[in-house]
Structures are given as C-alpha cells and as structure tokens.
Amino acid sequence: MKVAIGCDHAGFGLKEAIKMEFRKDRTIEFVDVGTYSTESVDYPDFAKKVVEKVLSGEVDRGILICGTGIGMSITANKFKGIRATLCFNEELAGLSRRHNDSNVLVLPGRFMEVSKAVRMIKIWQKLPFDGGRHERRLEKIKEIERHTENFVSEEKQ
C-alpha cells in the first residue's frame, strides 16, 4: 500500500514519528507532502496536497495530521470522492474502513501517542470495505455529492 501523508505544524512531530515507523516496518510506502517543520502553516494547503494524490490514483490512501484533526477533516471532505475520517482509537479506524470505505485517515496530532497512531494506521490500511448495507449508504453520499455539484452549478448561472 502507498499512502500520501501530510500535516500542519501541530502535526509535524507525529508525522515524523510515523514515518520512522513506516521505514522500520516497510509494509507501507509513503509520499510526504509536508509540512517539513513546526513553523506555522495553513492546514488546508496540506490537506489539498494529500487529497489530490489520492484522487489522481498516485497513492492508494492518505493520512492527514493537524492539532485536533478537525480542520484537516473539514478540508479533505470538501473534495468529491474523499471520505476522510477523524479517528481517536483502533476500533474507529477499523470501522472507518469497514463501514465507510475511508480513503483518508485523519489524526489529532496534539492528542495522539505515536504507538497508538501506528496501531490505528496498521488496522486502517489492512481492513477491506465490508460492502453490503454499507454500500447503499455510500451510494447515498455519492448522490449528495452529485446534487451539491448541480446545486452549485445552478447557483452560478
């Protein structure tokens, strides 16, 4: 599996620690889109970089980290086809894959220990989407995306 990983300044420390674990484990290939320091930056810029790599197919999935995870989640979910899930534990990470077919995992950098984040990522990257009744719900989300896209287009006319 190949993932894009990005963060803002508040998520930088956790991102760097996760990358070290990826290098040791070697089961997850990654592309780091930044930021590359703790100097203040705007999280939407890095959410966009990760999401663009996921949507283009350059990577299989994405991981985003900011202080709370909230800003990254809001930004990533503005993109049609992205299902970014903010998770705080292993069970939520697993359910986000199995029930929601999450393609972007969002972590709260100020509230997450490295070991827990790594466990969550391993669960999230291994589990498949269950389909079944959950597929019906994802289709409804896609319909909302189409409707919203049409609504925005009609507003501009």
N, C-alpha and C. Protein backbone atom coordinates (compact mmCIF):
# COMPACT_ATOMS: atom_id res chain seq x y z
N MET A 1 0.84 -1.18 0.00
CA MET A 1 0.00 0.00 0.00
C MET A 1 0.88 1.24 0.00
N LYS A 2 0.45 2.23 -0.78
CA LYS A 2 1.16 3.51 -0.83
C LYS A 2 0.22 4.60 -0.34
N VAL A 3 0.71 5.41 0.59
CA VAL A 3 -0.09 6.49 1.14
C VAL A 3 0.64 7.82 0.99
N ALA A 4 -0.16 8.87 0.88
CA ALA A 4 0.38 10.23 0.99
C ALA A 4 0.14 10.66 2.42
N ILE A 5 1.12 11.29 3.03
CA ILE A 5 0.99 11.76 4.40
C ILE A 5 1.33 13.24 4.44
N GLY A 6 0.48 14.00 5.12
CA GLY A 6 0.68 15.43 5.22
C GLY A 6 0.20 15.95 6.55
N CYS A 7 0.74 17.09 6.93
CA CYS A 7 0.39 17.66 8.23
C CYS A 7 0.59 19.17 8.22
N ASP A 8 0.09 19.80 9.27
CA ASP A 8 0.44 21.19 9.52
C ASP A 8 1.51 21.19 10.62
N HIS A 9 1.83 22.36 11.11
CA HIS A 9 2.89 22.49 12.13
C HIS A 9 2.56 21.71 13.40
N ALA A 10 1.30 21.65 13.78
CA ALA A 10 0.92 20.95 15.01
C ALA A 10 0.99 19.44 14.86
N GLY A 11 0.95 18.96 13.64
CA GLY A 11 1.03 17.52 13.40
C GLY A 11 2.41 17.04 12.98
N PHE A 12 3.35 17.97 12.86
CA PHE A 12 4.68 17.64 12.34
C PHE A 12 5.38 16.55 13.16
N GLY A 13 5.40 16.67 14.47
CA GLY A 13 6.09 15.69 15.31
C GLY A 13 5.54 14.29 15.14
N LEU A 14 4.22 14.17 15.14
CA LEU A 14 3.59 12.86 14.97
C LEU A 14 3.87 12.32 13.57
N LYS A 15 3.79 13.17 12.56
CA LYS A 15 4.07 12.71 11.19
C LYS A 15 5.48 12.14 11.08
N GLU A 16 6.45 12.84 11.64
CA GLU A 16 7.84 12.38 11.55
C GLU A 16 8.03 11.05 12.27
N ALA A 17 7.39 10.90 13.42
CA ALA A 17 7.49 9.63 14.17
C ALA A 17 6.82 8.49 13.41
N ILE A 18 5.70 8.75 12.78
CA ILE A 18 5.01 7.74 11.98
C ILE A 18 5.88 7.33 10.80
N LYS A 19 6.50 8.28 10.15
CA LYS A 19 7.38 7.96 9.02
C LYS A 19 8.53 7.05 9.45
N MET A 20 9.07 7.30 10.62
CA MET A 20 10.14 6.43 11.13
C MET A 20 9.63 5.00 11.29
N GLU A 21 8.43 4.85 11.79
CA GLU A 21 7.83 3.52 11.95
C GLU A 21 7.58 2.87 10.60
N PHE A 22 7.13 3.64 9.62
CA PHE A 22 6.92 3.11 8.27
C PHE A 22 8.24 2.59 7.70
N ARG A 23 9.31 3.32 7.93
CA ARG A 23 10.62 2.90 7.42
C ARG A 23 11.08 1.59 8.05
N LYS A 24 10.79 1.42 9.34
CA LYS A 24 11.15 0.18 10.04
C LYS A 24 10.30 -0.99 9.56
N ASP A 25 9.02 -0.76 9.47
CA ASP A 25 8.05 -1.80 9.17
C ASP A 25 8.08 -2.22 7.70
N ARG A 26 8.23 -1.29 6.83
CA ARG A 26 8.32 -1.48 5.37
C ARG A 26 7.08 -2.08 4.73
N THR A 27 5.94 -2.06 5.41
CA THR A 27 4.71 -2.55 4.78
C THR A 27 3.92 -1.42 4.14
N ILE A 28 4.26 -0.19 4.49
CA ILE A 28 3.55 0.96 3.94
C ILE A 28 4.58 1.86 3.26
N GLU A 29 4.38 2.06 1.97
CA GLU A 29 5.20 3.01 1.22
C GLU A 29 4.51 4.37 1.35
N PHE A 30 5.27 5.44 1.46
CA PHE A 30 4.64 6.74 1.65
C PHE A 30 5.29 7.83 0.82
N VAL A 31 4.48 8.86 0.58
CA VAL A 31 4.92 10.10 -0.04
C VAL A 31 4.62 11.19 0.97
N ASP A 32 5.62 11.92 1.40
CA ASP A 32 5.46 13.01 2.36
C ASP A 32 5.27 14.31 1.60
N VAL A 33 4.10 14.94 1.78
CA VAL A 33 3.81 16.19 1.08
C VAL A 33 4.02 17.42 1.97
N GLY A 34 4.56 17.22 3.18
CA GLY A 34 4.83 18.34 4.07
C GLY A 34 3.76 18.46 5.13
N THR A 35 3.92 19.42 5.92
CA THR A 35 4.94 20.41 6.08
C THR A 35 6.20 19.75 6.63
N TYR A 36 7.30 20.49 6.58
CA TYR A 36 8.58 19.90 6.94
C TYR A 36 9.22 20.55 8.17
N SER A 37 8.40 21.24 8.97
CA SER A 37 8.91 21.87 10.19
C SER A 37 7.73 22.24 11.09
N THR A 38 8.05 22.82 12.23
CA THR A 38 7.00 23.28 13.15
C THR A 38 6.64 24.75 12.93
N GLU A 39 7.17 25.33 11.87
CA GLU A 39 6.83 26.72 11.54
C GLU A 39 5.36 26.77 11.10
N SER A 40 4.63 27.76 11.58
CA SER A 40 3.20 27.86 11.34
C SER A 40 2.87 27.87 9.85
N VAL A 41 1.90 27.02 9.47
CA VAL A 41 1.41 26.93 8.10
C VAL A 41 -0.12 26.78 8.14
N ASP A 42 -0.74 26.81 6.99
CA ASP A 42 -2.19 26.67 6.89
C ASP A 42 -2.55 25.24 6.48
N TYR A 43 -3.28 24.55 7.35
CA TYR A 43 -3.60 23.14 7.12
C TYR A 43 -4.33 22.86 5.81
N PRO A 44 -5.19 23.74 5.28
CA PRO A 44 -5.87 23.40 4.03
C PRO A 44 -4.89 23.13 2.87
N ASP A 45 -3.75 23.79 2.88
CA ASP A 45 -2.77 23.58 1.81
C ASP A 45 -2.27 22.15 1.78
N PHE A 46 -2.09 21.54 2.93
CA PHE A 46 -1.55 20.19 3.00
C PHE A 46 -2.64 19.13 2.85
N ALA A 47 -3.84 19.46 3.31
CA ALA A 47 -4.97 18.56 3.06
C ALA A 47 -5.18 18.43 1.55
N LYS A 48 -5.12 19.53 0.86
CA LYS A 48 -5.32 19.54 -0.60
C LYS A 48 -4.25 18.69 -1.29
N LYS A 49 -3.00 18.79 -0.87
CA LYS A 49 -1.93 18.02 -1.50
C LYS A 49 -2.15 16.52 -1.34
N VAL A 50 -2.53 16.10 -0.15
CA VAL A 50 -2.78 14.67 0.09
C VAL A 50 -3.97 14.20 -0.73
N VAL A 51 -5.06 14.94 -0.68
CA VAL A 51 -6.29 14.56 -1.38
C VAL A 51 -6.05 14.48 -2.89
N GLU A 52 -5.31 15.40 -3.44
CA GLU A 52 -5.05 15.36 -4.88
C GLU A 52 -4.29 14.09 -5.27
N LYS A 53 -3.40 13.63 -4.42
CA LYS A 53 -2.66 12.39 -4.71
C LYS A 53 -3.58 11.18 -4.63
N VAL A 54 -4.51 11.19 -3.69
CA VAL A 54 -5.47 10.09 -3.57
C VAL A 54 -6.39 10.09 -4.79
N LEU A 55 -6.95 11.23 -5.13
CA LEU A 55 -7.91 11.30 -6.23
C LEU A 55 -7.27 11.00 -7.59
N SER A 56 -6.00 11.33 -7.74
CA SER A 56 -5.31 11.06 -9.00
C SER A 56 -4.91 9.59 -9.15
N GLY A 57 -4.94 8.85 -8.04
CA GLY A 57 -4.53 7.45 -8.07
C GLY A 57 -3.03 7.26 -7.87
N GLU A 58 -2.33 8.36 -7.63
CA GLU A 58 -0.89 8.25 -7.38
C GLU A 58 -0.61 7.44 -6.12
N VAL A 59 -1.52 7.53 -5.14
CA VAL A 59 -1.43 6.75 -3.91
C VAL A 59 -2.76 6.06 -3.68
N ASP A 60 -2.73 5.03 -2.83
CA ASP A 60 -3.96 4.29 -2.53
C ASP A 60 -4.84 5.04 -1.54
N ARG A 61 -4.20 5.65 -0.54
CA ARG A 61 -4.93 6.37 0.51
C ARG A 61 -4.08 7.50 1.05
N GLY A 62 -4.69 8.29 1.95
CA GLY A 62 -3.96 9.41 2.54
C GLY A 62 -4.10 9.45 4.04
N ILE A 63 -3.10 10.08 4.67
CA ILE A 63 -3.12 10.31 6.11
C ILE A 63 -2.86 11.79 6.34
N LEU A 64 -3.70 12.42 7.14
CA LEU A 64 -3.57 13.84 7.47
C LEU A 64 -3.48 14.01 8.98
N ILE A 65 -2.65 14.96 9.39
CA ILE A 65 -2.48 15.21 10.82
C ILE A 65 -2.43 16.72 11.05
N CYS A 66 -3.28 17.19 11.95
CA CYS A 66 -3.18 18.57 12.45
C CYS A 66 -3.41 18.51 13.95
N GLY A 67 -3.45 19.63 14.61
CA GLY A 67 -3.55 19.64 16.06
C GLY A 67 -4.71 18.82 16.59
N THR A 68 -5.91 19.10 16.10
CA THR A 68 -7.10 18.39 16.56
C THR A 68 -7.60 17.38 15.54
N GLY A 69 -7.20 17.52 14.30
CA GLY A 69 -7.72 16.69 13.22
C GLY A 69 -8.98 17.25 12.60
N ILE A 70 -9.59 18.21 13.25
CA ILE A 70 -10.87 18.75 12.79
C ILE A 70 -10.70 19.55 11.50
N GLY A 71 -9.74 20.46 11.47
CA GLY A 71 -9.54 21.28 10.28
C GLY A 71 -9.20 20.46 9.05
N MET A 72 -8.34 19.47 9.22
CA MET A 72 -7.98 18.60 8.10
C MET A 72 -9.19 17.82 7.62
N SER A 73 -10.01 17.33 8.56
CA SER A 73 -11.20 16.57 8.18
C SER A 73 -12.17 17.43 7.38
N ILE A 74 -12.42 18.63 7.85
CA ILE A 74 -13.34 19.52 7.15
C ILE A 74 -12.83 19.79 5.75
N THR A 75 -11.55 20.11 5.63
CA THR A 75 -10.99 20.44 4.32
C THR A 75 -11.03 19.25 3.38
N ALA A 76 -10.54 18.11 3.83
CA ALA A 76 -10.47 16.94 2.95
C ALA A 76 -11.85 16.53 2.45
N ASN A 77 -12.85 16.62 3.30
CA ASN A 77 -14.19 16.18 2.92
C ASN A 77 -14.91 17.15 1.99
N LYS A 78 -14.30 18.26 1.65
CA LYS A 78 -14.85 19.17 0.64
C LYS A 78 -14.64 18.61 -0.76
N PHE A 79 -13.76 17.63 -0.91
CA PHE A 79 -13.42 17.08 -2.21
C PHE A 79 -14.29 15.88 -2.53
N LYS A 80 -14.95 15.93 -3.68
CA LYS A 80 -15.81 14.83 -4.13
C LYS A 80 -14.99 13.55 -4.22
N GLY A 81 -15.50 12.50 -3.60
CA GLY A 81 -14.83 11.20 -3.65
C GLY A 81 -13.92 10.93 -2.46
N ILE A 82 -13.77 11.91 -1.60
CA ILE A 82 -12.94 11.71 -0.41
C ILE A 82 -13.84 11.40 0.78
N ARG A 83 -13.42 10.40 1.53
CA ARG A 83 -14.10 10.02 2.76
C ARG A 83 -13.05 10.04 3.86
N ALA A 84 -12.83 11.24 4.38
CA ALA A 84 -11.83 11.45 5.43
C ALA A 84 -12.48 11.23 6.78
N THR A 85 -11.83 10.41 7.62
CA THR A 85 -12.40 10.08 8.92
C THR A 85 -11.40 10.42 10.02
N LEU A 86 -11.84 11.22 10.94
CA LEU A 86 -11.06 11.59 12.12
C LEU A 86 -11.24 10.48 13.15
N CYS A 87 -10.15 9.81 13.50
CA CYS A 87 -10.23 8.67 14.41
C CYS A 87 -9.32 8.87 15.62
N PHE A 88 -9.79 8.40 16.76
CA PHE A 88 -9.06 8.52 18.01
C PHE A 88 -8.63 7.18 18.60
N ASN A 89 -9.11 6.08 18.02
CA ASN A 89 -8.72 4.77 18.55
C ASN A 89 -8.78 3.72 17.45
N GLU A 90 -8.31 2.53 17.78
CA GLU A 90 -8.21 1.45 16.80
C GLU A 90 -9.58 1.01 16.29
N GLU A 91 -10.55 0.94 17.18
CA GLU A 91 -11.88 0.50 16.76
C GLU A 91 -12.48 1.45 15.72
N LEU A 92 -12.36 2.75 15.97
CA LEU A 92 -12.89 3.71 15.00
C LEU A 92 -12.14 3.63 13.67
N ALA A 93 -10.83 3.44 13.73
CA ALA A 93 -10.05 3.32 12.50
C ALA A 93 -10.53 2.12 11.69
N GLY A 94 -10.77 1.00 12.37
CA GLY A 94 -11.26 -0.20 11.69
C GLY A 94 -12.65 0.00 11.10
N LEU A 95 -13.54 0.57 11.88
CA LEU A 95 -14.90 0.80 11.40
C LEU A 95 -14.94 1.80 10.26
N SER A 96 -14.02 2.76 10.29
CA SER A 96 -14.00 3.76 9.21
C SER A 96 -13.68 3.10 7.87
N ARG A 97 -12.91 2.03 7.89
CA ARG A 97 -12.62 1.28 6.66
C ARG A 97 -13.78 0.34 6.33
N ARG A 98 -14.17 -0.45 7.31
CA ARG A 98 -15.17 -1.50 7.06
C ARG A 98 -16.53 -0.93 6.70
N HIS A 99 -16.95 0.14 7.35
CA HIS A 99 -18.30 0.68 7.14
C HIS A 99 -18.34 1.88 6.21
N ASN A 100 -17.27 2.67 6.18
CA ASN A 100 -17.29 3.93 5.43
C ASN A 100 -16.34 3.96 4.25
N ASP A 101 -15.56 2.91 4.06
CA ASP A 101 -14.57 2.85 2.98
C ASP A 101 -13.68 4.10 3.00
N SER A 102 -13.24 4.46 4.18
CA SER A 102 -12.40 5.65 4.37
C SER A 102 -11.16 5.56 3.49
N ASN A 103 -10.90 6.65 2.76
CA ASN A 103 -9.68 6.69 1.95
C ASN A 103 -8.68 7.72 2.47
N VAL A 104 -9.05 8.45 3.50
CA VAL A 104 -8.14 9.37 4.19
C VAL A 104 -8.37 9.23 5.69
N LEU A 105 -7.31 8.90 6.40
CA LEU A 105 -7.35 8.81 7.86
C LEU A 105 -6.80 10.11 8.43
N VAL A 106 -7.55 10.71 9.34
CA VAL A 106 -7.13 11.96 9.96
C VAL A 106 -6.83 11.70 11.43
N LEU A 107 -5.68 12.20 11.87
CA LEU A 107 -5.24 12.01 13.25
C LEU A 107 -5.06 13.35 13.95
N PRO A 108 -5.39 13.38 15.25
CA PRO A 108 -5.21 14.60 16.04
C PRO A 108 -3.81 14.64 16.66
N GLY A 109 -2.92 15.38 16.06
CA GLY A 109 -1.52 15.38 16.46
C GLY A 109 -1.25 15.75 17.91
N ARG A 110 -2.06 16.63 18.46
CA ARG A 110 -1.85 17.07 19.85
C ARG A 110 -2.44 16.10 20.87
N PHE A 111 -3.19 15.11 20.40
CA PHE A 111 -3.91 14.22 21.31
C PHE A 111 -3.63 12.74 21.05
N MET A 112 -2.56 12.43 20.31
CA MET A 112 -2.33 11.05 19.89
C MET A 112 -0.89 10.64 20.17
N GLU A 113 -0.74 9.51 20.85
CA GLU A 113 0.59 8.93 21.06
C GLU A 113 1.02 8.20 19.79
N VAL A 114 2.30 8.19 19.55
CA VAL A 114 2.84 7.57 18.33
C VAL A 114 2.44 6.10 18.24
N SER A 115 2.62 5.34 19.32
CA SER A 115 2.33 3.90 19.27
C SER A 115 0.87 3.65 18.91
N LYS A 116 -0.02 4.44 19.46
CA LYS A 116 -1.45 4.29 19.16
C LYS A 116 -1.73 4.66 17.70
N ALA A 117 -1.12 5.73 17.22
CA ALA A 117 -1.31 6.14 15.83
C ALA A 117 -0.86 5.05 14.87
N VAL A 118 0.28 4.45 15.16
CA VAL A 118 0.82 3.39 14.29
C VAL A 118 -0.11 2.18 14.30
N ARG A 119 -0.61 1.79 15.46
CA ARG A 119 -1.55 0.67 15.54
C ARG A 119 -2.81 0.98 14.72
N MET A 120 -3.30 2.19 14.84
CA MET A 120 -4.50 2.58 14.11
C MET A 120 -4.26 2.52 12.60
N ILE A 121 -3.13 3.03 12.17
CA ILE A 121 -2.81 3.03 10.74
C ILE A 121 -2.71 1.61 10.21
N LYS A 122 -2.08 0.72 10.97
CA LYS A 122 -1.94 -0.66 10.52
C LYS A 122 -3.31 -1.34 10.36
N ILE A 123 -4.20 -1.09 11.29
CA ILE A 123 -5.56 -1.63 11.18
C ILE A 123 -6.26 -1.03 9.97
N TRP A 124 -6.20 0.27 9.85
CA TRP A 124 -6.87 1.00 8.78
C TRP A 124 -6.38 0.59 7.40
N GLN A 125 -5.09 0.36 7.27
CA GLN A 125 -4.56 0.03 5.95
C GLN A 125 -4.82 -1.42 5.55
N LYS A 126 -5.07 -2.30 6.52
CA LYS A 126 -5.28 -3.73 6.21
C LYS A 126 -6.73 -4.09 5.93
N LEU A 127 -7.65 -3.41 6.60
CA LEU A 127 -9.05 -3.83 6.53
C LEU A 127 -9.71 -3.43 5.21
N PRO A 128 -10.52 -4.34 4.67
CA PRO A 128 -11.28 -4.01 3.46
C PRO A 128 -12.61 -3.34 3.82
N PHE A 129 -13.26 -2.82 2.82
CA PHE A 129 -14.61 -2.30 2.94
C PHE A 129 -15.56 -3.48 2.96
N ASP A 130 -16.50 -3.51 3.91
CA ASP A 130 -17.44 -4.62 4.04
C ASP A 130 -18.49 -4.68 2.93
N GLY A 131 -18.78 -3.55 2.31
CA GLY A 131 -19.83 -3.54 1.28
C GLY A 131 -21.19 -3.79 1.90
N GLY A 132 -22.03 -4.56 1.22
CA GLY A 132 -23.36 -4.88 1.75
C GLY A 132 -24.18 -3.64 2.02
N ARG A 133 -24.79 -3.60 3.19
CA ARG A 133 -25.66 -2.47 3.54
C ARG A 133 -24.88 -1.15 3.55
N HIS A 134 -23.57 -1.23 3.78
CA HIS A 134 -22.75 -0.02 3.81
C HIS A 134 -22.58 0.57 2.41
N GLU A 135 -22.61 -0.27 1.40
CA GLU A 135 -22.51 0.19 0.01
C GLU A 135 -23.69 1.11 -0.33
N ARG A 136 -24.87 0.72 0.11
CA ARG A 136 -26.07 1.53 -0.13
C ARG A 136 -25.90 2.93 0.45
N ARG A 137 -25.29 3.01 1.62
CA ARG A 137 -25.09 4.31 2.27
C ARG A 137 -24.05 5.15 1.53
N LEU A 138 -23.00 4.50 1.05
CA LEU A 138 -22.00 5.25 0.28
C LEU A 138 -22.60 5.77 -1.02
N GLU A 139 -23.49 5.00 -1.62
CA GLU A 139 -24.17 5.47 -2.84
C GLU A 139 -25.00 6.71 -2.55
N LYS A 140 -25.60 6.77 -1.38
CA LYS A 140 -26.36 7.96 -0.99
C LYS A 140 -25.45 9.16 -0.81
N ILE A 141 -24.27 8.94 -0.27
CA ILE A 141 -23.29 10.03 -0.14
C ILE A 141 -22.90 10.53 -1.52
N LYS A 142 -22.65 9.60 -2.44
CA LYS A 142 -22.29 9.99 -3.81
C LYS A 142 -23.41 10.79 -4.46
N GLU A 143 -24.66 10.41 -4.20
CA GLU A 143 -25.80 11.15 -4.74
C GLU A 143 -25.84 12.56 -4.16
N ILE A 144 -25.56 12.70 -2.89
CA ILE A 144 -25.50 14.03 -2.27
C ILE A 144 -24.40 14.86 -2.93
N GLU A 145 -23.26 14.23 -3.19
CA GLU A 145 -22.17 14.95 -3.87
C GLU A 145 -22.62 15.43 -5.25
N ARG A 146 -23.31 14.57 -5.99
CA ARG A 146 -23.80 14.96 -7.33
C ARG A 146 -24.81 16.09 -7.21
N HIS A 147 -25.73 15.97 -6.26
CA HIS A 147 -26.75 17.00 -6.07
C HIS A 147 -26.10 18.34 -5.70
N THR A 148 -25.15 18.28 -4.78
CA THR A 148 -24.47 19.50 -4.35
C THR A 148 -23.72 20.13 -5.52
N GLU A 149 -23.09 19.31 -6.34
CA GLU A 149 -22.37 19.81 -7.51
C GLU A 149 -23.34 20.51 -8.45
N ASN A 150 -24.51 19.91 -8.69
CA ASN A 150 -25.52 20.52 -9.55
C ASN A 150 -26.07 21.79 -8.94
N PHE A 151 -26.29 21.80 -7.64
CA PHE A 151 -26.81 22.97 -6.95
C PHE A 151 -25.85 24.15 -7.10
N VAL A 152 -24.59 23.90 -6.91
CA VAL A 152 -23.57 24.95 -7.04
C VAL A 152 -23.55 25.46 -8.48
N SER A 153 -23.63 24.56 -9.45
CA SER A 153 -23.63 24.98 -10.86
C SER A 153 -24.84 25.84 -11.18
N GLU A 154 -26.01 25.46 -10.67
CA GLU A 154 -27.23 26.23 -10.90
C GLU A 154 -27.14 27.60 -10.27
N GLU A 155 -26.52 27.73 -9.10
CA GLU A 155 -26.38 29.00 -8.41
C GLU A 155 -25.53 29.99 -9.23
N LYS A 156 -24.56 29.47 -9.95
CA LYS A 156 -23.65 30.33 -10.71
C LYS A 156 -24.28 30.86 -11.99
N GLN A 157 -25.34 30.22 -12.45
CA GLN A 157 -25.96 30.63 -13.71
C GLN A 157 -26.78 31.87 -13.57
